[in-house]
Amino acid sequence: MKKNSELLIKALDKCEMIMCYFSHFITNEWIYDTFNMYQLKARLSEEDLQTYLIDIADLDWKKYFPNFAYGIQNFLLKEEVEPPFLDRVSLISTRPRFLGDLMWVYYHGKPQPTKDPNQIK
């Protein structure tokens, strides 16, 4: 029983640490103006468009979230975890204790379309 309570306290401490680090981003609304990115995209060659990810709609979220989870676990929580690349098993599926919401988004979330910059104004 004492061991379980120690594990729970440790988990709560990690949750509080994550809340502390991300509170500024969670408690504020963020709207990005992407007009300059569209201007840049129009000027790039086909080769550059293949090299650089300019349009967020092209982001592979199935690859992004395991890397995001790895960064949180490795750099913020200071856990020894394997990176999610090189055909290794996804960290989200093997370490859901502190990343349950990310795991849900990864497996059940639906892609959200990006808005045209003219629609935001």
PDB file of N, CA and C in Angstrom:
ATOM      1  N   MET A   1       0.823  -1.191   0.000  1.00  0.00           N
ATOM      2  CA  MET A   1       0.000   0.000   0.000  1.00  0.00           C
ATOM      3  C   MET A   1       0.870   1.258   0.000  1.00  0.00           C
ATOM      4  N   LYS A   2       1.914   1.243   0.812  1.00  0.00           N
ATOM      5  CA  LYS A   2       2.798   2.404   0.886  1.00  0.00           C
ATOM      6  C   LYS A   2       3.499   2.635  -0.448  1.00  0.00           C
ATOM      7  N   LYS A   3       3.890   1.542  -1.116  1.00  0.00           N
ATOM      8  CA  LYS A   3       4.557   1.653  -2.406  1.00  0.00           C
ATOM      9  C   LYS A   3       3.630   2.282  -3.447  1.00  0.00           C
ATOM     10  N   ASN A   4       2.351   1.882  -3.442  1.00  0.00           N
ATOM     11  CA  ASN A   4       1.378   2.459  -4.367  1.00  0.00           C
ATOM     12  C   ASN A   4       1.195   3.942  -4.120  1.00  0.00           C
ATOM     13  N   SER A   5       1.152   4.348  -2.853  1.00  0.00           N
ATOM     14  CA  SER A   5       0.975   5.768  -2.552  1.00  0.00           C
ATOM     15  C   SER A   5       2.205   6.566  -2.983  1.00  0.00           C
ATOM     16  N   GLU A   6       3.389   5.987  -2.852  1.00  0.00           N
ATOM     17  CA  GLU A   6       4.604   6.671  -3.295  1.00  0.00           C
ATOM     18  C   GLU A   6       4.601   6.847  -4.816  1.00  0.00           C
ATOM     19  N   LEU A   7       4.137   5.828  -5.526  1.00  0.00           N
ATOM     20  CA  LEU A   7       4.045   5.924  -6.985  1.00  0.00           C
ATOM     21  C   LEU A   7       3.032   6.990  -7.398  1.00  0.00           C
ATOM     22  N   LEU A   8       1.913   7.055  -6.678  1.00  0.00           N
ATOM     23  CA  LEU A   8       0.893   8.052  -6.980  1.00  0.00           C
ATOM     24  C   LEU A   8       1.411   9.458  -6.717  1.00  0.00           C
ATOM     25  N   ILE A   9       2.125   9.642  -5.632  1.00  0.00           N
ATOM     26  CA  ILE A   9       2.702  10.957  -5.324  1.00  0.00           C
ATOM     27  C   ILE A   9       3.706  11.355  -6.399  1.00  0.00           C
ATOM     28  N   LYS A  10       4.518  10.414  -6.837  1.00  0.00           N
ATOM     29  CA  LYS A  10       5.493  10.682  -7.889  1.00  0.00           C
ATOM     30  C   LYS A  10       4.782  11.070  -9.194  1.00  0.00           C
ATOM     31  N   ALA A  11       3.703  10.369  -9.524  1.00  0.00           N
ATOM     32  CA  ALA A  11       2.936  10.677 -10.735  1.00  0.00           C
ATOM     33  C   ALA A  11       2.309  12.067 -10.634  1.00  0.00           C
ATOM     34  N   LEU A  12       1.761  12.408  -9.477  1.00  0.00           N
ATOM     35  CA  LEU A  12       1.167  13.735  -9.283  1.00  0.00           C
ATOM     36  C   LEU A  12       2.220  14.831  -9.394  1.00  0.00           C
ATOM     37  N   ASP A  13       3.397  14.581  -8.855  1.00  0.00           N
ATOM     38  CA  ASP A  13       4.484  15.553  -8.972  1.00  0.00           C
ATOM     39  C   ASP A  13       4.837  15.809 -10.435  1.00  0.00           C
ATOM     40  N   LYS A  14       4.872  14.755 -11.235  1.00  0.00           N
ATOM     41  CA  LYS A  14       5.185  14.904 -12.657  1.00  0.00           C
ATOM     42  C   LYS A  14       4.071  15.664 -13.383  1.00  0.00           C
ATOM     43  N   CYS A  15       2.832  15.383 -13.018  1.00  0.00           N
ATOM     44  CA  CYS A  15       1.708  16.105 -13.624  1.00  0.00           C
ATOM     45  C   CYS A  15       1.784  17.591 -13.284  1.00  0.00           C
ATOM     46  N   GLU A  16       2.099  17.915 -12.051  1.00  0.00           N
ATOM     47  CA  GLU A  16       2.232  19.317 -11.643  1.00  0.00           C
ATOM     48  C   GLU A  16       3.372  19.994 -12.391  1.00  0.00           C
ATOM     49  N   MET A  17       4.467  19.284 -12.602  1.00  0.00           N
ATOM     50  CA  MET A  17       5.600  19.845 -13.318  1.00  0.00           C
ATOM     51  C   MET A  17       5.206  20.157 -14.762  1.00  0.00           C
ATOM     52  N   ILE A  18       4.497  19.240 -15.402  1.00  0.00           N
ATOM     53  CA  ILE A  18       4.049  19.472 -16.777  1.00  0.00           C
ATOM     54  C   ILE A  18       3.085  20.655 -16.817  1.00  0.00           C
ATOM     55  N   MET A  19       2.165  20.721 -15.859  1.00  0.00           N
ATOM     56  CA  MET A  19       1.233  21.859 -15.790  1.00  0.00           C
ATOM     57  C   MET A  19       1.987  23.173 -15.658  1.00  0.00           C
ATOM     58  N   CYS A  20       3.005  23.175 -14.824  1.00  0.00           N
ATOM     59  CA  CYS A  20       3.799  24.387 -14.613  1.00  0.00           C
ATOM     60  C   CYS A  20       4.475  24.815 -15.914  1.00  0.00           C
ATOM     61  N   TYR A  21       5.094  23.876 -16.609  1.00  0.00           N
ATOM     62  CA  TYR A  21       5.791  24.200 -17.854  1.00  0.00           C
ATOM     63  C   TYR A  21       4.847  24.685 -18.950  1.00  0.00           C
ATOM     64  N   PHE A  22       3.660  24.105 -19.035  1.00  0.00           N
ATOM     65  CA  PHE A  22       2.748  24.396 -20.135  1.00  0.00           C
ATOM     66  C   PHE A  22       1.608  25.339 -19.782  1.00  0.00           C
ATOM     67  N   SER A  23       1.538  25.834 -18.558  1.00  0.00           N
ATOM     68  CA  SER A  23       0.400  26.660 -18.139  1.00  0.00           C
ATOM     69  C   SER A  23       0.225  27.897 -19.024  1.00  0.00           C
ATOM     70  N   HIS A  24       1.306  28.522 -19.425  1.00  0.00           N
ATOM     71  CA  HIS A  24       1.208  29.711 -20.273  1.00  0.00           C
ATOM     72  C   HIS A  24       0.539  29.387 -21.603  1.00  0.00           C
ATOM     73  N   PHE A  25       0.817  28.218 -22.137  1.00  0.00           N
ATOM     74  CA  PHE A  25       0.265  27.833 -23.439  1.00  0.00           C
ATOM     75  C   PHE A  25      -1.152  27.291 -23.316  1.00  0.00           C
ATOM     76  N   ILE A  26      -1.490  26.752 -22.151  1.00  0.00           N
ATOM     77  CA  ILE A  26      -2.814  26.180 -21.931  1.00  0.00           C
ATOM     78  C   ILE A  26      -3.833  27.260 -21.582  1.00  0.00           C
ATOM     79  N   THR A  27      -3.414  28.280 -20.856  1.00  0.00           N
ATOM     80  CA  THR A  27      -4.352  29.292 -20.349  1.00  0.00           C
ATOM     81  C   THR A  27      -4.510  30.483 -21.281  1.00  0.00           C
ATOM     82  N   ASN A  28      -3.851  30.482 -22.417  1.00  0.00           N
ATOM     83  CA  ASN A  28      -3.970  31.572 -23.383  1.00  0.00           C
ATOM     84  C   ASN A  28      -4.482  31.033 -24.704  1.00  0.00           C
ATOM     85  N   GLU A  29      -5.099  31.916 -25.464  1.00  0.00           N
ATOM     86  CA  GLU A  29      -5.574  31.545 -26.796  1.00  0.00           C
ATOM     87  C   GLU A  29      -4.506  31.934 -27.809  1.00  0.00           C
ATOM     88  N   TRP A  30      -4.248  31.046 -28.745  1.00  0.00           N
ATOM     89  CA  TRP A  30      -3.211  31.285 -29.734  1.00  0.00           C
ATOM     90  C   TRP A  30      -3.806  31.243 -31.129  1.00  0.00           C
ATOM     91  N   ILE A  31      -3.692  32.342 -31.844  1.00  0.00           N
ATOM     92  CA  ILE A  31      -4.141  32.422 -33.234  1.00  0.00           C
ATOM     93  C   ILE A  31      -2.928  32.851 -34.047  1.00  0.00           C
ATOM     94  N   TYR A  32      -2.589  32.047 -35.037  1.00  0.00           N
ATOM     95  CA  TYR A  32      -1.402  32.310 -35.839  1.00  0.00           C
ATOM     96  C   TYR A  32      -1.798  32.889 -37.186  1.00  0.00           C
ATOM     97  N   ASP A  33      -1.139  33.962 -37.563  1.00  0.00           N
ATOM     98  CA  ASP A  33      -1.323  34.560 -38.871  1.00  0.00           C
ATOM     99  C   ASP A  33      -0.315  33.906 -39.809  1.00  0.00           C
ATOM    100  N   THR A  34      -0.785  33.211 -40.811  1.00  0.00           N
ATOM    101  CA  THR A  34       0.097  32.447 -41.698  1.00  0.00           C
ATOM    102  C   THR A  34       0.259  33.096 -43.070  1.00  0.00           C
ATOM    103  N   PHE A  35      -0.106  34.355 -43.175  1.00  0.00           N
ATOM    104  CA  PHE A  35      -0.029  35.045 -44.468  1.00  0.00           C
ATOM    105  C   PHE A  35       1.390  34.976 -45.046  1.00  0.00           C
ATOM    106  N   ASN A  36       2.394  35.252 -44.217  1.00  0.00           N
ATOM    107  CA  ASN A  36       3.781  35.237 -44.702  1.00  0.00           C
ATOM    108  C   ASN A  36       4.206  33.841 -45.156  1.00  0.00           C
ATOM    109  N   MET A  37       3.696  32.805 -44.500  1.00  0.00           N
ATOM    110  CA  MET A  37       4.034  31.442 -44.914  1.00  0.00           C
ATOM    111  C   MET A  37       3.470  31.139 -46.296  1.00  0.00           C
ATOM    112  N   TYR A  38       2.242  31.621 -46.571  1.00  0.00           N
ATOM    113  CA  TYR A  38       1.669  31.416 -47.901  1.00  0.00           C
ATOM    114  C   TYR A  38       2.457  32.185 -48.955  1.00  0.00           C
ATOM    115  N   GLN A  39       2.933  33.376 -48.604  1.00  0.00           N
ATOM    116  CA  GLN A  39       3.769  34.155 -49.524  1.00  0.00           C
ATOM    117  C   GLN A  39       5.081  33.411 -49.809  1.00  0.00           C
ATOM    118  N   LEU A  40       5.690  32.864 -48.751  1.00  0.00           N
ATOM    119  CA  LEU A  40       6.924  32.114 -48.907  1.00  0.00           C
ATOM    120  C   LEU A  40       6.702  30.870 -49.768  1.00  0.00           C
ATOM    121  N   LYS A  41       5.611  30.168 -49.516  1.00  0.00           N
ATOM    122  CA  LYS A  41       5.314  28.950 -50.269  1.00  0.00           C
ATOM    123  C   LYS A  41       5.180  29.256 -51.761  1.00  0.00           C
ATOM    124  N   ALA A  42       4.580  30.383 -52.091  1.00  0.00           N
ATOM    125  CA  ALA A  42       4.398  30.757 -53.497  1.00  0.00           C
ATOM    126  C   ALA A  42       5.730  31.035 -54.184  1.00  0.00           C
ATOM    127  N   ARG A  43       6.754  31.407 -53.420  1.00  0.00           N
ATOM    128  CA  ARG A  43       8.061  31.746 -54.000  1.00  0.00           C
ATOM    129  C   ARG A  43       9.019  30.558 -54.083  1.00  0.00           C
ATOM    130  N   LEU A  44       8.722  29.465 -53.419  1.00  0.00           N
ATOM    131  CA  LEU A  44       9.647  28.332 -53.385  1.00  0.00           C
ATOM    132  C   LEU A  44       9.573  27.501 -54.657  1.00  0.00           C
ATOM    133  N   SER A  45      10.695  26.915 -54.997  1.00  0.00           N
ATOM    134  CA  SER A  45      10.726  26.007 -56.140  1.00  0.00           C
ATOM    135  C   SER A  45      10.089  24.674 -55.736  1.00  0.00           C
ATOM    136  N   GLU A  46       9.810  23.833 -56.723  1.00  0.00           N
ATOM    137  CA  GLU A  46       9.239  22.508 -56.439  1.00  0.00           C
ATOM    138  C   GLU A  46      10.185  21.689 -55.564  1.00  0.00           C
ATOM    139  N   GLU A  47      11.486  21.812 -55.824  1.00  0.00           N
ATOM    140  CA  GLU A  47      12.478  21.082 -55.032  1.00  0.00           C
ATOM    141  C   GLU A  47      12.451  21.536 -53.568  1.00  0.00           C
ATOM    142  N   ASP A  48      12.362  22.857 -53.356  1.00  0.00           N
ATOM    143  CA  ASP A  48      12.295  23.376 -51.986  1.00  0.00           C
ATOM    144  C   ASP A  48      11.002  22.971 -51.290  1.00  0.00           C
ATOM    145  N   LEU A  49       9.910  22.934 -52.043  1.00  0.00           N
ATOM    146  CA  LEU A  49       8.634  22.512 -51.457  1.00  0.00           C
ATOM    147  C   LEU A  49       8.696  21.066 -50.992  1.00  0.00           C
ATOM    148  N   GLN A  50       9.471  20.231 -51.675  1.00  0.00           N
ATOM    149  CA  GLN A  50       9.633  18.842 -51.268  1.00  0.00           C
ATOM    150  C   GLN A  50      10.569  18.721 -50.066  1.00  0.00           C
ATOM    151  N   THR A  51      11.489  19.667 -49.935  1.00  0.00           N
ATOM    152  CA  THR A  51      12.481  19.626 -48.861  1.00  0.00           C
ATOM    153  C   THR A  51      11.946  20.178 -47.550  1.00  0.00           C
ATOM    154  N   TYR A  52      11.208  21.286 -47.602  1.00  0.00           N
ATOM    155  CA  TYR A  52      10.763  21.989 -46.393  1.00  0.00           C
ATOM    156  C   TYR A  52       9.262  21.839 -46.196  1.00  0.00           C
ATOM    157  N   LEU A  53       8.873  21.549 -44.969  1.00  0.00           N
ATOM    158  CA  LEU A  53       7.453  21.452 -44.626  1.00  0.00           C
ATOM    159  C   LEU A  53       6.928  22.866 -44.384  1.00  0.00           C
ATOM    160  N   ILE A  54       6.186  23.386 -45.318  1.00  0.00           N
ATOM    161  CA  ILE A  54       5.658  24.743 -45.212  1.00  0.00           C
ATOM    162  C   ILE A  54       4.192  24.722 -44.795  1.00  0.00           C
ATOM    163  N   ASP A  55       3.421  23.816 -45.366  1.00  0.00           N
ATOM    164  CA  ASP A  55       1.981  23.766 -45.102  1.00  0.00           C
ATOM    165  C   ASP A  55       1.702  22.804 -43.948  1.00  0.00           C
ATOM    166  N   ILE A  56       1.108  23.320 -42.882  1.00  0.00           N
ATOM    167  CA  ILE A  56       0.824  22.505 -41.695  1.00  0.00           C
ATOM    168  C   ILE A  56      -0.145  21.368 -42.022  1.00  0.00           C
ATOM    169  N   ALA A  57      -0.912  21.524 -43.093  1.00  0.00           N
ATOM    170  CA  ALA A  57      -1.833  20.453 -43.497  1.00  0.00           C
ATOM    171  C   ALA A  57      -1.070  19.207 -43.932  1.00  0.00           C
ATOM    172  N   ASP A  58       0.210  19.375 -44.300  1.00  0.00           N
ATOM    173  CA  ASP A  58       1.031  18.238 -44.728  1.00  0.00           C
ATOM    174  C   ASP A  58       1.720  17.536 -43.570  1.00  0.00           C
ATOM    175  N   LEU A  59       1.571  18.058 -42.357  1.00  0.00           N
ATOM    176  CA  LEU A  59       2.237  17.461 -41.194  1.00  0.00           C
ATOM    177  C   LEU A  59       1.663  16.076 -40.900  1.00  0.00           C
ATOM    178  N   ASP A  60       2.530  15.121 -40.700  1.00  0.00           N
ATOM    179  CA  ASP A  60       2.112  13.760 -40.381  1.00  0.00           C
ATOM    180  C   ASP A  60       1.957  13.650 -38.863  1.00  0.00           C
ATOM    181  N   TRP A  61       0.737  13.811 -38.383  1.00  0.00           N
ATOM    182  CA  TRP A  61       0.476  13.838 -36.941  1.00  0.00           C
ATOM    183  C   TRP A  61       0.778  12.502 -36.291  1.00  0.00           C
ATOM    184  N   LYS A  62       0.689  11.411 -37.033  1.00  0.00           N
ATOM    185  CA  LYS A  62       1.007  10.086 -36.481  1.00  0.00           C
ATOM    186  C   LYS A  62       2.494   9.977 -36.152  1.00  0.00           C
ATOM    187  N   LYS A  63       3.319  10.759 -36.818  1.00  0.00           N
ATOM    188  CA  LYS A  63       4.748  10.781 -36.498  1.00  0.00           C
ATOM    189  C   LYS A  63       5.068  11.887 -35.500  1.00  0.00           C
ATOM    190  N   TYR A  64       4.296  12.975 -35.547  1.00  0.00           N
ATOM    191  CA  TYR A  64       4.558  14.122 -34.679  1.00  0.00           C
ATOM    192  C   TYR A  64       4.330  13.783 -33.206  1.00  0.00           C
ATOM    193  N   PHE A  65       3.186  13.200 -32.887  1.00  0.00           N
ATOM    194  CA  PHE A  65       2.839  12.970 -31.483  1.00  0.00           C
ATOM    195  C   PHE A  65       3.781  12.024 -30.748  1.00  0.00           C
ATOM    196  N   PRO A  66       4.238  10.929 -31.347  1.00  0.00           N
ATOM    197  CA  PRO A  66       5.221  10.116 -30.623  1.00  0.00           C
ATOM    198  C   PRO A  66       6.506  10.888 -30.315  1.00  0.00           C
ATOM    199  N   ASN A  67       6.924  11.753 -31.242  1.00  0.00           N
ATOM    200  CA  ASN A  67       8.112  12.558 -30.993  1.00  0.00           C
ATOM    201  C   ASN A  67       7.855  13.615 -29.926  1.00  0.00           C
ATOM    202  N   PHE A  68       6.672  14.199 -29.933  1.00  0.00           N
ATOM    203  CA  PHE A  68       6.289  15.168 -28.907  1.00  0.00           C
ATOM    204  C   PHE A  68       6.275  14.495 -27.530  1.00  0.00           C
ATOM    205  N   ALA A  69       5.675  13.307 -27.464  1.00  0.00           N
ATOM    206  CA  ALA A  69       5.620  12.567 -26.196  1.00  0.00           C
ATOM    207  C   ALA A  69       7.024  12.200 -25.725  1.00  0.00           C
ATOM    208  N   TYR A  70       7.878  11.800 -26.662  1.00  0.00           N
ATOM    209  CA  TYR A  70       9.261  11.478 -26.321  1.00  0.00           C
ATOM    210  C   TYR A  70       9.963  12.697 -25.721  1.00  0.00           C
ATOM    211  N   GLY A  71       9.759  13.854 -26.330  1.00  0.00           N
ATOM    212  CA  GLY A  71      10.384  15.075 -25.821  1.00  0.00           C
ATOM    213  C   GLY A  71       9.937  15.400 -24.410  1.00  0.00           C
ATOM    214  N   ILE A  72       8.652  15.256 -24.127  1.00  0.00           N
ATOM    215  CA  ILE A  72       8.145  15.521 -22.773  1.00  0.00           C
ATOM    216  C   ILE A  72       8.763  14.548 -21.782  1.00  0.00           C
ATOM    217  N   GLN A  73       8.741  13.274 -22.123  1.00  0.00           N
ATOM    218  CA  GLN A  73       9.266  12.267 -21.190  1.00  0.00           C
ATOM    219  C   GLN A  73      10.775  12.408 -20.990  1.00  0.00           C
ATOM    220  N   ASN A  74      11.502  12.641 -22.069  1.00  0.00           N
ATOM    221  CA  ASN A  74      12.958  12.668 -21.986  1.00  0.00           C
ATOM    222  C   ASN A  74      13.480  13.982 -21.397  1.00  0.00           C
ATOM    223  N   PHE A  75      12.976  15.121 -21.876  1.00  0.00           N
ATOM    224  CA  PHE A  75      13.557  16.397 -21.511  1.00  0.00           C
ATOM    225  C   PHE A  75      12.874  17.071 -20.321  1.00  0.00           C
ATOM    226  N   LEU A  76      11.571  16.888 -20.157  1.00  0.00           N
ATOM    227  CA  LEU A  76      10.884  17.508 -19.022  1.00  0.00           C
ATOM    228  C   LEU A  76      10.817  16.586 -17.809  1.00  0.00           C
ATOM    229  N   LEU A  77      10.393  15.347 -18.042  1.00  0.00           N
ATOM    230  CA  LEU A  77      10.235  14.413 -16.924  1.00  0.00           C
ATOM    231  C   LEU A  77      11.530  13.686 -16.577  1.00  0.00           C
ATOM    232  N   LYS A  78      12.535  13.828 -17.433  1.00  0.00           N
ATOM    233  CA  LYS A  78      13.851  13.204 -17.217  1.00  0.00           C
ATOM    234  C   LYS A  78      13.762  11.686 -17.073  1.00  0.00           C
ATOM    235  N   GLU A  79      12.857  11.072 -17.854  1.00  0.00           N
ATOM    236  CA  GLU A  79      12.719   9.626 -17.850  1.00  0.00           C
ATOM    237  C   GLU A  79      13.638   9.040 -18.914  1.00  0.00           C
ATOM    238  N   GLU A  80      14.147   7.865 -18.663  1.00  0.00           N
ATOM    239  CA  GLU A  80      14.953   7.176 -19.668  1.00  0.00           C
ATOM    240  C   GLU A  80      14.008   6.412 -20.590  1.00  0.00           C
ATOM    241  N   VAL A  81      13.835   6.946 -21.793  1.00  0.00           N
ATOM    242  CA  VAL A  81      12.925   6.346 -22.768  1.00  0.00           C
ATOM    243  C   VAL A  81      13.635   6.225 -24.104  1.00  0.00           C
ATOM    244  N   GLU A  82      13.172   5.296 -24.905  1.00  0.00           N
ATOM    245  CA  GLU A  82      13.715   5.104 -26.246  1.00  0.00           C
ATOM    246  C   GLU A  82      13.060   6.102 -27.198  1.00  0.00           C
ATOM    247  N   PRO A  83      13.828   6.663 -28.128  1.00  0.00           N
ATOM    248  CA  PRO A  83      13.219   7.558 -29.115  1.00  0.00           C
ATOM    249  C   PRO A  83      12.226   6.802 -29.992  1.00  0.00           C
ATOM    250  N   PRO A  84      11.195   7.469 -30.477  1.00  0.00           N
ATOM    251  CA  PRO A  84      10.147   6.787 -31.244  1.00  0.00           C
ATOM    252  C   PRO A  84      10.462   6.581 -32.718  1.00  0.00           C
ATOM    253  N   PHE A  85      11.711   6.654 -33.111  1.00  0.00           N
ATOM    254  CA  PHE A  85      12.038   6.446 -34.513  1.00  0.00           C
ATOM    255  C   PHE A  85      12.840   5.163 -34.674  1.00  0.00           C
ATOM    256  N   LEU A  86      13.285   4.903 -35.851  1.00  0.00           N
ATOM    257  CA  LEU A  86      14.015   3.674 -36.200  1.00  0.00           C
ATOM    258  C   LEU A  86      13.170   2.417 -35.981  1.00  0.00           C
ATOM    259  N   ASP A  87      11.894   2.509 -36.356  1.00  0.00           N
ATOM    260  CA  ASP A  87      10.959   1.386 -36.278  1.00  0.00           C
ATOM    261  C   ASP A  87      10.772   0.843 -34.864  1.00  0.00           C
ATOM    262  N   ARG A  88      10.935   1.677 -33.862  1.00  0.00           N
ATOM    263  CA  ARG A  88      10.679   1.247 -32.494  1.00  0.00           C
ATOM    264  C   ARG A  88       9.202   1.446 -32.179  1.00  0.00           C
ATOM    265  N   VAL A  89       8.727   0.777 -31.156  1.00  0.00           N
ATOM    266  CA  VAL A  89       7.319   0.874 -30.772  1.00  0.00           C
ATOM    267  C   VAL A  89       7.038   2.286 -30.274  1.00  0.00           C
ATOM    268  N   SER A  90       5.877   2.795 -30.604  1.00  0.00           N
ATOM    269  CA  SER A  90       5.483   4.141 -30.207  1.00  0.00           C
ATOM    270  C   SER A  90       5.515   4.306 -28.688  1.00  0.00           C
ATOM    271  N   LEU A  91       6.065   5.420 -28.231  1.00  0.00           N
ATOM    272  CA  LEU A  91       6.105   5.691 -26.797  1.00  0.00           C
ATOM    273  C   LEU A  91       4.710   5.885 -26.221  1.00  0.00           C
ATOM    274  N   ILE A  92       3.824   6.445 -27.012  1.00  0.00           N
ATOM    275  CA  ILE A  92       2.493   6.718 -26.497  1.00  0.00           C
ATOM    276  C   ILE A  92       1.780   5.416 -26.139  1.00  0.00           C
ATOM    277  N   SER A  93       1.940   4.394 -26.952  1.00  0.00           N
ATOM    278  CA  SER A  93       1.238   3.148 -26.669  1.00  0.00           C
ATOM    279  C   SER A  93       1.879   2.372 -25.521  1.00  0.00           C
ATOM    280  N   THR A  94       3.168   2.610 -25.254  1.00  0.00           N
ATOM    281  CA  THR A  94       3.831   1.852 -24.206  1.00  0.00           C
ATOM    282  C   THR A  94       3.934   2.618 -22.889  1.00  0.00           C
ATOM    283  N   ARG A  95       3.735   3.942 -22.905  1.00  0.00           N
ATOM    284  CA  ARG A  95       3.904   4.750 -21.705  1.00  0.00           C
ATOM    285  C   ARG A  95       2.699   5.670 -21.499  1.00  0.00           C
ATOM    286  N   PRO A  96       1.486   5.151 -21.375  1.00  0.00           N
ATOM    287  CA  PRO A  96       0.322   6.025 -21.328  1.00  0.00           C
ATOM    288  C   PRO A  96       0.062   6.690 -19.978  1.00  0.00           C
ATOM    289  N   ARG A  97       0.823   6.369 -18.954  1.00  0.00           N
ATOM    290  CA  ARG A  97       0.506   6.886 -17.626  1.00  0.00           C
ATOM    291  C   ARG A  97       0.406   8.403 -17.578  1.00  0.00           C
ATOM    292  N   PHE A  98       1.392   9.099 -18.136  1.00  0.00           N
ATOM    293  CA  PHE A  98       1.405  10.552 -18.047  1.00  0.00           C
ATOM    294  C   PHE A  98       0.927  11.213 -19.328  1.00  0.00           C
ATOM    295  N   LEU A  99       0.644  10.436 -20.352  1.00  0.00           N
ATOM    296  CA  LEU A  99       0.308  10.983 -21.653  1.00  0.00           C
ATOM    297  C   LEU A  99      -1.002  10.417 -22.183  1.00  0.00           C
ATOM    298  N   GLY A 100      -1.941  10.168 -21.305  1.00  0.00           N
ATOM    299  CA  GLY A 100      -3.208   9.562 -21.696  1.00  0.00           C
ATOM    300  C   GLY A 100      -3.981  10.377 -22.707  1.00  0.00           C
ATOM    301  N   ASP A 101      -4.002  11.721 -22.551  1.00  0.00           N
ATOM    302  CA  ASP A 101      -4.730  12.566 -23.492  1.00  0.00           C
ATOM    303  C   ASP A 101      -4.093  12.507 -24.876  1.00  0.00           C
ATOM    304  N   LEU A 102      -2.766  12.530 -24.914  1.00  0.00           N
ATOM    305  CA  LEU A 102      -2.089  12.435 -26.205  1.00  0.00           C
ATOM    306  C   LEU A 102      -2.358  11.092 -26.857  1.00  0.00           C
ATOM    307  N   MET A 103      -2.402  10.042 -26.051  1.00  0.00           N
ATOM    308  CA  MET A 103      -2.678   8.717 -26.589  1.00  0.00           C
ATOM    309  C   MET A 103      -4.073   8.693 -27.218  1.00  0.00           C
ATOM    310  N   TRP A 104      -5.052   9.308 -26.555  1.00  0.00           N
ATOM    311  CA  TRP A 104      -6.404   9.337 -27.092  1.00  0.00           C
ATOM    312  C   TRP A 104      -6.432  10.089 -28.424  1.00  0.00           C
ATOM    313  N   VAL A 105      -5.793  11.259 -28.471  1.00  0.00           N
ATOM    314  CA  VAL A 105      -5.760  12.045 -29.709  1.00  0.00           C
ATOM    315  C   VAL A 105      -5.076  11.260 -30.817  1.00  0.00           C
ATOM    316  N   TYR A 106      -3.989  10.595 -30.471  1.00  0.00           N
ATOM    317  CA  TYR A 106      -3.214   9.833 -31.451  1.00  0.00           C
ATOM    318  C   TYR A 106      -4.060   8.743 -32.094  1.00  0.00           C
ATOM    319  N   TYR A 107      -4.842   8.035 -31.294  1.00  0.00           N
ATOM    320  CA  TYR A 107      -5.603   6.903 -31.812  1.00  0.00           C
ATOM    321  C   TYR A 107      -7.029   7.241 -32.234  1.00  0.00           C
ATOM    322  N   HIS A 108      -7.645   8.272 -31.623  1.00  0.00           N
ATOM    323  CA  HIS A 108      -9.052   8.526 -31.881  1.00  0.00           C
ATOM    324  C   HIS A 108      -9.350   9.908 -32.460  1.00  0.00           C
ATOM    325  N   GLY A 109      -8.398  10.802 -32.404  1.00  0.00           N
ATOM    326  CA  GLY A 109      -8.632  12.156 -32.886  1.00  0.00           C
ATOM    327  C   GLY A 109      -8.845  12.194 -34.380  1.00  0.00           C
ATOM    328  N   LYS A 110      -9.562  13.196 -34.811  1.00  0.00           N
ATOM    329  CA  LYS A 110      -9.835  13.360 -36.232  1.00  0.00           C
ATOM    330  C   LYS A 110      -9.017  14.535 -36.749  1.00  0.00           C
ATOM    331  N   PRO A 111      -8.469  14.419 -37.956  1.00  0.00           N
ATOM    332  CA  PRO A 111      -7.708  15.540 -38.517  1.00  0.00           C
ATOM    333  C   PRO A 111      -8.580  16.777 -38.633  1.00  0.00           C
ATOM    334  N   GLN A 112      -8.028  17.912 -38.282  1.00  0.00           N
ATOM    335  CA  GLN A 112      -8.743  19.173 -38.380  1.00  0.00           C
ATOM    336  C   GLN A 112      -8.203  19.949 -39.574  1.00  0.00           C
ATOM    337  N   PRO A 113      -9.092  20.415 -40.439  1.00  0.00           N
ATOM    338  CA  PRO A 113      -8.604  21.163 -41.606  1.00  0.00           C
ATOM    339  C   PRO A 113      -8.026  22.510 -41.175  1.00  0.00           C
ATOM    340  N   THR A 114      -7.012  22.956 -41.888  1.00  0.00           N
ATOM    341  CA  THR A 114      -6.459  24.284 -41.616  1.00  0.00           C
ATOM    342  C   THR A 114      -7.330  25.316 -42.313  1.00  0.00           C
ATOM    343  N   LYS A 115      -7.368  26.511 -41.742  1.00  0.00           N
ATOM    344  CA  LYS A 115      -8.184  27.581 -42.328  1.00  0.00           C
ATOM    345  C   LYS A 115      -7.343  28.427 -43.257  1.00  0.00           C
ATOM    346  N   ASP A 116      -8.000  28.930 -44.263  1.00  0.00           N
ATOM    347  CA  ASP A 116      -7.375  29.884 -45.154  1.00  0.00           C
ATOM    348  C   ASP A 116      -7.099  31.154 -44.338  1.00  0.00           C
ATOM    349  N   PRO A 117      -5.960  31.807 -44.530  1.00  0.00           N
ATOM    350  CA  PRO A 117      -5.649  33.013 -43.740  1.00  0.00           C
ATOM    351  C   PRO A 117      -6.715  34.097 -43.856  1.00  0.00           C
ATOM    352  N   ASN A 118      -7.407  34.179 -44.980  1.00  0.00           N
ATOM    353  CA  ASN A 118      -8.438  35.203 -45.149  1.00  0.00           C
ATOM    354  C   ASN A 118      -9.662  34.929 -44.283  1.00  0.00           C
ATOM    355  N   GLN A 119      -9.874  33.690 -43.874  1.00  0.00           N
ATOM    356  CA  GLN A 119     -11.022  33.345 -43.034  1.00  0.00           C
ATOM    357  C   GLN A 119     -10.813  33.748 -41.580  1.00  0.00           C
ATOM    358  N   ILE A 120      -9.562  33.893 -41.169  1.00  0.00           N
ATOM    359  CA  ILE A 120      -9.254  34.160 -39.765  1.00  0.00           C
ATOM    360  C   ILE A 120      -9.569  35.601 -39.393  1.00  0.00           C
ATOM    361  N   LYS A 121      -9.366  36.517 -40.296  1.00  0.00           N
ATOM    362  CA  LYS A 121      -9.537  37.946 -40.003  1.00  0.00           C
ATOM    363  C   LYS A 121     -10.945  38.346 -39.874  1.00  0.00           C
TER     364      LYS A 121
END
